[in-house]
N, C-alpha and C. Protein backbone atom coordinates (compact mmCIF):
# COMPACT_ATOMS: atom_id res chain seq x y z
N MET A 1 24.29 -2.80 24.34
CA MET A 1 25.48 -2.36 23.80
C MET A 1 25.34 -1.04 23.19
N ALA A 2 26.08 -0.06 23.54
CA ALA A 2 25.99 1.30 23.06
C ALA A 2 26.53 1.56 21.69
N LEU A 3 25.88 2.34 20.88
CA LEU A 3 26.35 2.52 19.56
C LEU A 3 27.37 3.73 19.56
N SER A 4 28.28 3.62 18.63
CA SER A 4 29.30 4.79 18.57
C SER A 4 28.59 5.84 17.67
N PHE A 5 29.21 6.99 17.70
CA PHE A 5 28.69 8.15 17.00
C PHE A 5 28.61 7.85 15.50
N SER A 6 29.61 7.25 14.90
CA SER A 6 29.60 6.90 13.55
C SER A 6 28.53 5.90 13.19
N GLU A 7 28.29 4.95 14.07
CA GLU A 7 27.17 3.93 13.80
C GLU A 7 25.85 4.65 13.81
N LYS A 8 25.71 5.60 14.80
CA LYS A 8 24.44 6.34 14.86
C LYS A 8 24.22 7.18 13.54
N GLN A 9 25.30 7.79 13.04
CA GLN A 9 25.14 8.59 11.88
C GLN A 9 24.78 7.68 10.64
N ALA A 10 25.36 6.48 10.62
CA ALA A 10 25.08 5.58 9.51
C ALA A 10 23.62 5.17 9.59
N ILE A 11 23.08 4.87 10.72
CA ILE A 11 21.60 4.54 10.87
C ILE A 11 20.79 5.69 10.51
N VAL A 12 21.12 6.89 10.95
CA VAL A 12 20.29 8.04 10.61
C VAL A 12 20.23 8.30 9.20
N SER A 13 21.41 8.19 8.52
CA SER A 13 21.51 8.52 7.07
C SER A 13 20.79 7.42 6.25
N GLU A 14 20.88 6.17 6.73
CA GLU A 14 20.16 5.06 5.94
C GLU A 14 18.64 5.25 6.05
N VAL A 15 18.18 5.45 7.27
CA VAL A 15 16.72 5.68 7.43
C VAL A 15 16.21 6.98 6.81
N ALA A 16 17.07 7.97 6.80
CA ALA A 16 16.68 9.23 6.14
C ALA A 16 16.58 9.00 4.61
N GLU A 17 17.50 8.22 4.05
CA GLU A 17 17.41 7.97 2.62
C GLU A 17 16.16 7.19 2.20
N ILE A 18 15.86 6.19 3.05
CA ILE A 18 14.63 5.40 2.85
C ILE A 18 13.39 6.19 3.04
N ALA A 19 13.36 7.11 4.04
CA ALA A 19 12.21 7.98 4.28
C ALA A 19 12.12 8.96 3.20
N GLY A 20 13.07 9.41 2.50
CA GLY A 20 12.98 10.33 1.48
C GLY A 20 12.33 9.78 0.19
N SER A 21 12.47 8.46 0.03
CA SER A 21 11.87 7.90 -1.19
C SER A 21 10.54 7.00 -0.88
N ALA A 22 10.20 6.95 0.42
CA ALA A 22 9.08 6.04 0.77
C ALA A 22 7.73 6.77 0.42
N HIS A 23 6.73 5.97 0.18
CA HIS A 23 5.39 6.44 -0.07
C HIS A 23 4.63 6.78 1.20
N SER A 24 4.82 5.85 2.19
CA SER A 24 4.11 6.03 3.48
C SER A 24 4.92 5.30 4.58
N VAL A 25 4.64 5.54 5.84
CA VAL A 25 5.23 4.83 6.93
C VAL A 25 4.23 4.54 7.98
N VAL A 26 4.45 3.33 8.57
CA VAL A 26 3.56 2.93 9.67
C VAL A 26 4.51 2.59 10.88
N ILE A 27 4.15 3.17 12.06
CA ILE A 27 4.91 2.81 13.23
C ILE A 27 4.04 1.99 14.12
N ALA A 28 4.66 0.97 14.74
CA ALA A 28 3.97 0.08 15.67
C ALA A 28 4.81 -0.33 16.83
N GLU A 29 4.15 -0.55 17.91
CA GLU A 29 4.81 -0.97 19.17
C GLU A 29 4.88 -2.54 19.08
N TYR A 30 6.14 -2.98 19.38
CA TYR A 30 6.38 -4.39 19.21
C TYR A 30 6.55 -5.11 20.62
N ASN A 31 6.19 -4.49 21.64
CA ASN A 31 6.42 -5.05 22.97
C ASN A 31 5.82 -6.47 23.19
N GLY A 32 6.64 -7.40 23.58
CA GLY A 32 6.18 -8.75 23.82
C GLY A 32 6.34 -9.70 22.64
N LEU A 33 6.81 -9.24 21.49
CA LEU A 33 7.01 -10.14 20.32
C LEU A 33 8.36 -10.89 20.60
N SER A 34 8.33 -12.20 20.23
CA SER A 34 9.58 -12.95 20.38
C SER A 34 10.44 -12.73 19.18
N ALA A 35 11.69 -13.19 19.28
CA ALA A 35 12.66 -13.06 18.22
C ALA A 35 12.18 -13.75 16.94
N GLU A 36 11.50 -14.93 17.09
CA GLU A 36 11.03 -15.64 16.00
C GLU A 36 9.81 -14.83 15.29
N ASP A 37 9.05 -14.24 16.06
CA ASP A 37 7.95 -13.37 15.52
C ASP A 37 8.52 -12.23 14.73
N MET A 38 9.55 -11.58 15.30
CA MET A 38 10.13 -10.48 14.57
C MET A 38 10.81 -10.90 13.24
N THR A 39 11.45 -12.12 13.27
CA THR A 39 12.06 -12.63 12.09
C THR A 39 10.98 -12.92 11.04
N GLU A 40 9.85 -13.51 11.50
CA GLU A 40 8.71 -13.72 10.49
C GLU A 40 8.27 -12.42 9.98
N LEU A 41 8.08 -11.36 10.78
CA LEU A 41 7.63 -10.00 10.37
C LEU A 41 8.55 -9.52 9.34
N ARG A 42 9.82 -9.59 9.65
CA ARG A 42 10.91 -9.03 8.66
C ARG A 42 10.80 -9.80 7.37
N ALA A 43 10.56 -11.07 7.30
CA ALA A 43 10.55 -11.79 6.14
C ALA A 43 9.26 -11.46 5.32
N LYS A 44 8.21 -11.22 5.99
CA LYS A 44 6.97 -10.85 5.32
C LYS A 44 7.13 -9.39 4.75
N ALA A 45 7.78 -8.57 5.49
CA ALA A 45 8.06 -7.23 4.97
C ALA A 45 8.91 -7.20 3.81
N ARG A 46 9.97 -7.98 3.81
CA ARG A 46 10.88 -8.05 2.63
C ARG A 46 10.13 -8.52 1.32
N SER A 47 9.32 -9.52 1.54
CA SER A 47 8.57 -10.05 0.35
C SER A 47 7.44 -9.08 -0.05
N GLY A 48 7.04 -8.14 0.86
CA GLY A 48 6.02 -7.23 0.43
C GLY A 48 6.55 -5.89 0.09
N GLY A 49 7.80 -5.68 -0.12
CA GLY A 49 8.40 -4.46 -0.59
C GLY A 49 8.39 -3.35 0.50
N VAL A 50 8.61 -3.84 1.76
CA VAL A 50 8.47 -2.88 2.87
C VAL A 50 9.87 -2.91 3.59
N TYR A 51 10.41 -1.68 3.90
CA TYR A 51 11.67 -1.62 4.67
C TYR A 51 11.22 -1.46 6.10
N LEU A 52 11.63 -2.45 6.91
CA LEU A 52 11.30 -2.54 8.39
C LEU A 52 12.46 -2.29 9.18
N ARG A 53 12.41 -1.40 10.15
CA ARG A 53 13.60 -1.17 10.97
C ARG A 53 13.14 -0.75 12.39
N VAL A 54 13.85 -1.22 13.34
CA VAL A 54 13.72 -0.90 14.75
C VAL A 54 14.85 0.13 15.01
N VAL A 55 14.44 1.41 15.33
CA VAL A 55 15.41 2.42 15.45
C VAL A 55 15.06 3.16 16.84
N LYS A 56 16.10 3.61 17.48
CA LYS A 56 15.89 4.36 18.69
C LYS A 56 15.07 5.69 18.29
N ASN A 57 14.21 6.06 19.20
CA ASN A 57 13.36 7.20 18.84
C ASN A 57 14.07 8.53 18.52
N THR A 58 15.20 8.80 19.20
CA THR A 58 15.91 9.99 18.94
C THR A 58 16.56 9.94 17.60
N LEU A 59 17.04 8.83 17.22
CA LEU A 59 17.63 8.65 15.89
C LEU A 59 16.53 8.67 14.83
N ALA A 60 15.38 8.19 15.18
CA ALA A 60 14.30 8.19 14.17
C ALA A 60 13.81 9.56 13.97
N ARG A 61 13.76 10.45 15.01
CA ARG A 61 13.33 11.88 14.85
C ARG A 61 14.35 12.57 13.91
N ARG A 62 15.63 12.33 14.12
CA ARG A 62 16.63 12.97 13.27
C ARG A 62 16.48 12.43 11.82
N ALA A 63 16.24 11.14 11.67
CA ALA A 63 16.18 10.61 10.30
C ALA A 63 14.99 11.20 9.50
N VAL A 64 13.85 11.39 10.21
CA VAL A 64 12.68 11.89 9.46
C VAL A 64 12.55 13.37 9.33
N GLU A 65 13.60 14.05 9.95
CA GLU A 65 13.63 15.48 9.92
C GLU A 65 13.81 15.93 8.47
N GLY A 66 12.99 16.84 8.03
CA GLY A 66 13.07 17.39 6.60
C GLY A 66 12.42 16.48 5.59
N THR A 67 11.72 15.46 5.99
CA THR A 67 10.98 14.56 5.09
C THR A 67 9.49 14.73 5.32
N ASP A 68 8.71 14.05 4.49
CA ASP A 68 7.24 14.13 4.58
C ASP A 68 6.82 13.53 5.93
N PHE A 69 7.60 12.73 6.55
CA PHE A 69 7.20 11.99 7.75
C PHE A 69 7.61 12.70 9.01
N GLU A 70 7.96 13.99 9.04
CA GLU A 70 8.43 14.79 10.12
C GLU A 70 7.17 14.91 11.19
N CYS A 71 6.01 14.67 10.59
CA CYS A 71 4.81 14.87 11.47
C CYS A 71 4.76 13.74 12.48
N LEU A 72 5.54 12.67 12.34
CA LEU A 72 5.49 11.55 13.30
C LEU A 72 6.30 11.78 14.57
N ASN A 73 6.99 12.86 14.63
CA ASN A 73 7.88 13.04 15.82
C ASN A 73 7.19 12.94 17.21
N ASP A 74 5.93 13.37 17.34
CA ASP A 74 5.23 13.26 18.63
C ASP A 74 4.80 11.87 18.83
N ALA A 75 4.69 11.04 17.84
CA ALA A 75 4.22 9.64 18.02
C ALA A 75 5.31 8.69 18.31
N LEU A 76 6.60 9.15 18.22
CA LEU A 76 7.73 8.39 18.44
C LEU A 76 8.03 8.24 19.95
N VAL A 77 7.25 7.34 20.61
CA VAL A 77 7.40 7.11 22.09
C VAL A 77 7.40 5.65 22.31
N GLY A 78 8.26 5.11 22.99
CA GLY A 78 8.24 3.69 23.35
C GLY A 78 8.95 2.82 22.31
N PRO A 79 9.03 1.51 22.57
CA PRO A 79 9.76 0.68 21.56
C PRO A 79 9.02 0.49 20.34
N LEU A 80 9.43 1.01 19.20
CA LEU A 80 8.73 1.09 17.97
C LEU A 80 9.45 0.44 16.84
N VAL A 81 8.74 -0.12 15.89
CA VAL A 81 9.30 -0.61 14.63
C VAL A 81 8.67 0.30 13.56
N MET A 82 9.49 0.79 12.68
CA MET A 82 9.10 1.63 11.52
C MET A 82 9.04 0.82 10.21
N ALA A 83 7.93 0.90 9.49
CA ALA A 83 7.73 0.22 8.30
C ALA A 83 7.44 1.14 7.17
N PHE A 84 8.40 1.25 6.30
CA PHE A 84 8.34 2.20 5.16
C PHE A 84 7.91 1.50 3.87
N SER A 85 6.82 2.05 3.17
CA SER A 85 6.38 1.47 1.94
C SER A 85 7.19 1.88 0.83
N GLN A 86 7.79 0.95 0.18
CA GLN A 86 8.70 1.26 -0.95
C GLN A 86 7.95 1.15 -2.34
N GLU A 87 7.02 0.28 -2.51
CA GLU A 87 6.44 0.07 -3.80
C GLU A 87 5.11 0.86 -3.95
N ASP A 88 4.24 0.78 -3.06
CA ASP A 88 2.99 1.52 -3.17
C ASP A 88 2.57 1.98 -1.70
N PRO A 89 1.71 2.99 -1.55
CA PRO A 89 1.39 3.54 -0.24
C PRO A 89 0.81 2.53 0.80
N GLY A 90 0.12 1.50 0.28
CA GLY A 90 -0.50 0.65 1.15
C GLY A 90 0.24 -0.70 1.57
N SER A 91 1.46 -0.76 1.04
CA SER A 91 2.05 -2.13 1.22
C SER A 91 2.48 -2.35 2.73
N ALA A 92 3.00 -1.25 3.39
CA ALA A 92 3.40 -1.41 4.80
C ALA A 92 2.17 -1.66 5.68
N ALA A 93 1.13 -0.98 5.29
CA ALA A 93 -0.13 -1.17 6.12
C ALA A 93 -0.69 -2.61 5.96
N ARG A 94 -0.59 -3.08 4.70
CA ARG A 94 -1.07 -4.52 4.50
C ARG A 94 -0.22 -5.49 5.25
N VAL A 95 1.03 -5.36 5.31
CA VAL A 95 1.94 -6.30 6.01
C VAL A 95 1.72 -6.27 7.47
N LEU A 96 1.63 -5.06 8.02
CA LEU A 96 1.42 -4.95 9.49
C LEU A 96 -0.05 -5.34 9.86
N LYS A 97 -0.96 -5.04 9.05
CA LYS A 97 -2.38 -5.54 9.38
C LYS A 97 -2.48 -7.03 9.43
N GLU A 98 -1.90 -7.69 8.41
CA GLU A 98 -1.93 -9.12 8.39
C GLU A 98 -1.16 -9.72 9.56
N PHE A 99 0.00 -9.18 9.90
CA PHE A 99 0.80 -9.70 10.95
C PHE A 99 0.13 -9.44 12.27
N SER A 100 -0.52 -8.42 12.51
CA SER A 100 -1.11 -8.05 13.73
C SER A 100 -2.40 -8.94 14.01
N LYS A 101 -2.98 -9.46 12.92
CA LYS A 101 -4.15 -10.36 13.07
C LYS A 101 -3.56 -11.65 13.75
N GLU A 102 -2.43 -12.11 13.32
CA GLU A 102 -1.84 -13.26 13.92
C GLU A 102 -1.23 -13.14 15.32
N ASN A 103 -0.63 -11.94 15.45
CA ASN A 103 0.02 -11.61 16.74
C ASN A 103 -0.53 -10.34 17.25
N GLY A 104 -1.36 -10.43 18.37
CA GLY A 104 -1.99 -9.26 18.93
C GLY A 104 -1.02 -8.38 19.69
N LYS A 105 0.19 -8.77 19.84
CA LYS A 105 1.13 -7.97 20.59
C LYS A 105 1.77 -6.78 19.77
N LEU A 106 1.55 -6.92 18.46
CA LEU A 106 1.97 -5.83 17.55
C LEU A 106 0.89 -4.84 17.49
N VAL A 107 1.14 -3.55 17.97
CA VAL A 107 0.03 -2.67 18.01
C VAL A 107 0.45 -1.36 17.23
N VAL A 108 -0.39 -1.02 16.19
CA VAL A 108 -0.04 0.12 15.32
C VAL A 108 -0.39 1.36 16.08
N LYS A 109 0.61 2.28 16.11
CA LYS A 109 0.48 3.59 16.80
C LYS A 109 0.04 4.71 15.98
N ALA A 110 0.67 4.86 14.81
CA ALA A 110 0.40 5.99 13.93
C ALA A 110 0.89 5.65 12.52
N LEU A 111 0.42 6.45 11.51
CA LEU A 111 0.90 6.22 10.10
C LEU A 111 0.84 7.50 9.49
N SER A 112 1.66 7.66 8.44
CA SER A 112 1.74 8.90 7.68
C SER A 112 1.81 8.63 6.23
N VAL A 113 1.03 9.44 5.50
CA VAL A 113 1.09 9.37 4.02
C VAL A 113 1.15 10.78 3.50
N GLY A 114 2.12 11.04 2.69
CA GLY A 114 2.20 12.35 2.02
C GLY A 114 2.33 13.46 3.01
N GLY A 115 3.03 13.31 4.16
CA GLY A 115 3.15 14.36 5.09
C GLY A 115 1.98 14.61 6.00
N GLN A 116 1.07 13.68 5.92
CA GLN A 116 -0.16 13.87 6.76
C GLN A 116 -0.19 12.73 7.81
N LEU A 117 -0.30 13.13 9.05
CA LEU A 117 -0.33 12.20 10.22
C LEU A 117 -1.73 11.63 10.29
N LEU A 118 -1.86 10.25 10.34
CA LEU A 118 -3.11 9.66 10.42
C LEU A 118 -3.16 8.76 11.68
N ALA A 119 -4.35 8.56 12.25
CA ALA A 119 -4.51 7.82 13.39
C ALA A 119 -4.37 6.34 13.07
N ALA A 120 -4.09 5.56 14.09
CA ALA A 120 -3.87 4.04 13.88
C ALA A 120 -5.18 3.44 13.37
N THR A 121 -6.33 4.10 13.57
CA THR A 121 -7.59 3.50 13.07
C THR A 121 -7.71 3.60 11.60
N GLU A 122 -6.89 4.32 10.97
CA GLU A 122 -6.91 4.52 9.47
C GLU A 122 -6.10 3.37 8.76
N LEU A 123 -5.52 2.45 9.61
CA LEU A 123 -4.74 1.39 8.97
C LEU A 123 -5.56 0.57 8.01
N GLU A 124 -6.73 0.28 8.31
CA GLU A 124 -7.60 -0.55 7.48
C GLU A 124 -7.78 0.20 6.08
N ARG A 125 -8.05 1.49 6.15
CA ARG A 125 -8.24 2.22 4.89
C ARG A 125 -7.04 2.28 4.06
N LEU A 126 -5.86 2.41 4.68
CA LEU A 126 -4.65 2.49 3.99
C LEU A 126 -4.33 1.21 3.42
N ALA A 127 -4.53 0.08 4.13
CA ALA A 127 -4.27 -1.21 3.69
C ALA A 127 -5.15 -1.69 2.54
N SER A 128 -6.29 -1.09 2.35
CA SER A 128 -7.22 -1.40 1.27
C SER A 128 -6.92 -0.64 -0.04
N LEU A 129 -6.01 0.20 0.01
CA LEU A 129 -5.58 0.85 -1.28
C LEU A 129 -5.08 -0.16 -2.30
N PRO A 130 -5.43 0.01 -3.54
CA PRO A 130 -4.95 -0.99 -4.52
C PRO A 130 -3.41 -0.85 -4.84
N THR A 131 -2.86 -1.89 -5.21
CA THR A 131 -1.47 -1.80 -5.64
C THR A 131 -1.39 -1.16 -7.00
N LYS A 132 -0.16 -0.91 -7.43
CA LYS A 132 0.07 -0.23 -8.73
C LYS A 132 -0.59 -0.96 -9.87
N GLU A 133 -0.37 -2.28 -9.89
CA GLU A 133 -0.94 -3.11 -10.93
C GLU A 133 -2.46 -3.11 -10.87
N GLN A 134 -3.07 -3.19 -9.65
CA GLN A 134 -4.49 -3.19 -9.52
C GLN A 134 -5.14 -1.81 -10.01
N ALA A 135 -4.43 -0.76 -9.62
CA ALA A 135 -4.87 0.59 -10.02
C ALA A 135 -4.83 0.73 -11.55
N ILE A 136 -3.82 0.23 -12.14
CA ILE A 136 -3.70 0.33 -13.63
C ILE A 136 -4.80 -0.49 -14.31
N SER A 137 -5.08 -1.68 -13.82
CA SER A 137 -6.05 -2.56 -14.37
C SER A 137 -7.46 -1.90 -14.16
N MET A 138 -7.72 -1.20 -13.06
CA MET A 138 -8.97 -0.54 -12.86
C MET A 138 -9.13 0.62 -13.80
N LEU A 139 -8.03 1.32 -13.99
CA LEU A 139 -8.08 2.47 -14.94
C LEU A 139 -8.27 2.04 -16.34
N MET A 140 -7.71 0.98 -16.75
CA MET A 140 -7.85 0.40 -18.10
C MET A 140 -9.26 -0.07 -18.33
N SER A 141 -9.82 -0.72 -17.28
CA SER A 141 -11.19 -1.18 -17.52
C SER A 141 -12.17 -0.01 -17.63
N VAL A 142 -11.91 1.04 -16.84
CA VAL A 142 -12.82 2.24 -17.06
C VAL A 142 -12.57 2.90 -18.44
N MET A 143 -11.30 2.96 -18.90
CA MET A 143 -11.05 3.55 -20.31
C MET A 143 -11.60 2.68 -21.34
N GLN A 144 -11.68 1.36 -21.12
CA GLN A 144 -12.07 0.50 -22.16
C GLN A 144 -13.57 0.41 -22.30
N ALA A 145 -14.31 0.74 -21.28
CA ALA A 145 -15.85 0.58 -21.27
C ALA A 145 -16.50 1.37 -22.36
N PRO A 146 -16.13 2.70 -22.56
CA PRO A 146 -16.83 3.37 -23.68
C PRO A 146 -16.59 2.84 -25.08
N VAL A 147 -15.27 2.38 -25.25
CA VAL A 147 -14.90 1.85 -26.58
C VAL A 147 -15.74 0.57 -26.74
N THR A 148 -15.85 -0.29 -25.80
CA THR A 148 -16.56 -1.54 -25.95
C THR A 148 -18.03 -1.30 -26.29
N LYS A 149 -18.56 -0.27 -25.53
CA LYS A 149 -19.99 0.05 -25.74
C LYS A 149 -20.21 0.53 -27.10
N LEU A 150 -19.35 1.40 -27.68
CA LEU A 150 -19.44 1.88 -29.03
C LEU A 150 -19.33 0.74 -30.01
N ALA A 151 -18.42 -0.22 -29.80
CA ALA A 151 -18.26 -1.31 -30.79
C ALA A 151 -19.55 -2.10 -30.75
N ARG A 152 -20.15 -2.37 -29.65
CA ARG A 152 -21.42 -3.15 -29.59
C ARG A 152 -22.46 -2.46 -30.28
N THR A 153 -22.63 -1.12 -30.12
CA THR A 153 -23.64 -0.35 -30.70
C THR A 153 -23.45 -0.35 -32.27
N LEU A 154 -22.24 -0.21 -32.76
CA LEU A 154 -21.99 -0.20 -34.18
C LEU A 154 -22.29 -1.55 -34.76
N LYS A 155 -21.94 -2.65 -34.04
CA LYS A 155 -22.29 -4.05 -34.44
C LYS A 155 -23.76 -4.37 -34.51
N GLU A 156 -24.51 -3.61 -33.73
CA GLU A 156 -25.93 -3.89 -33.65
C GLU A 156 -26.69 -3.42 -34.96
N VAL A 157 -26.27 -2.39 -35.57
CA VAL A 157 -26.97 -1.86 -36.78
C VAL A 157 -26.94 -2.98 -37.81
N PRO A 158 -25.78 -3.45 -38.30
CA PRO A 158 -25.88 -4.50 -39.31
C PRO A 158 -26.57 -5.81 -38.86
N GLY A 159 -26.36 -6.05 -37.60
CA GLY A 159 -27.07 -7.28 -36.98
C GLY A 159 -28.52 -7.13 -37.09
N LYS A 160 -29.08 -6.00 -36.84
CA LYS A 160 -30.53 -5.71 -36.87
C LYS A 160 -30.96 -5.87 -38.33
N LEU A 161 -30.17 -5.36 -39.25
CA LEU A 161 -30.55 -5.47 -40.72
C LEU A 161 -30.60 -6.92 -41.12
N VAL A 162 -29.61 -7.67 -40.66
CA VAL A 162 -29.58 -9.15 -41.05
C VAL A 162 -30.77 -9.84 -40.45
N ARG A 163 -31.19 -9.48 -39.25
CA ARG A 163 -32.34 -10.10 -38.59
C ARG A 163 -33.61 -9.75 -39.35
N THR A 164 -33.68 -8.52 -39.78
CA THR A 164 -34.92 -8.09 -40.53
C THR A 164 -35.03 -8.74 -41.83
N VAL A 165 -33.92 -8.77 -42.65
CA VAL A 165 -33.92 -9.53 -43.92
C VAL A 165 -34.27 -11.03 -43.70
N ALA A 166 -33.78 -11.58 -42.61
CA ALA A 166 -34.02 -13.04 -42.36
C ALA A 166 -35.53 -13.23 -42.01
N ALA A 167 -36.07 -12.34 -41.27
CA ALA A 167 -37.50 -12.33 -40.94
C ALA A 167 -38.37 -12.15 -42.16
N VAL A 168 -38.05 -11.26 -43.10
CA VAL A 168 -38.75 -11.07 -44.34
C VAL A 168 -38.69 -12.38 -45.20
N ARG A 169 -37.50 -12.98 -45.29
CA ARG A 169 -37.26 -14.19 -46.08
C ARG A 169 -38.16 -15.23 -45.49
N ASP A 170 -38.09 -15.42 -44.16
CA ASP A 170 -39.00 -16.51 -43.43
C ASP A 170 -40.50 -16.28 -43.74
N SER A 171 -40.89 -15.06 -43.68
CA SER A 171 -42.28 -14.79 -43.90
C SER A 171 -42.74 -15.04 -45.39
N LYS A 172 -41.81 -14.75 -46.33
CA LYS A 172 -42.14 -15.06 -47.79
C LYS A 172 -42.09 -16.55 -47.99
N GLU A 173 -41.19 -17.26 -47.39
CA GLU A 173 -41.09 -18.75 -47.54
C GLU A 173 -42.35 -19.38 -46.87
N ALA A 174 -42.85 -18.80 -45.84
CA ALA A 174 -44.01 -19.44 -45.19
C ALA A 174 -45.23 -19.16 -45.93
N ALA A 175 -45.32 -18.05 -46.79
CA ALA A 175 -46.41 -17.69 -47.54
C ALA A 175 -46.64 -18.40 -48.79
């Protein structure tokens, strides 16, 4: 079924709006996936904070025009699904990586982060990026370490004095 001009405009504006606010995008070829598999992928994407859309390549080129993801234009060939990370840069990569483990028919073609085109082999590296909460906890643990070490050091001085006085007391009692 052919799309009307107004429907095409709506798709382009919707995808352009998502692309303008997304952290990263992963494009993958979905040839051979069943409707049930695509439904499962969409459900996982929704729960992972990922906007997933199958868009015609010409419409996708128009949608990413003027965004950080314009570098993907040459990679938009064949039947592709676009996954935009809404929450953190690695969320789309994590969802597609996990799904492609179960379904070998989903093949990642390219990905982009911050206007930089990355090869499909970089999917593992992007998927391993920490989430916002993980990054904050890592930062807080690094910031907390010097304070903890200072507190232990300051606590050691009176502790050493108490141990010395106790040793002197024990030696006098023994004598």
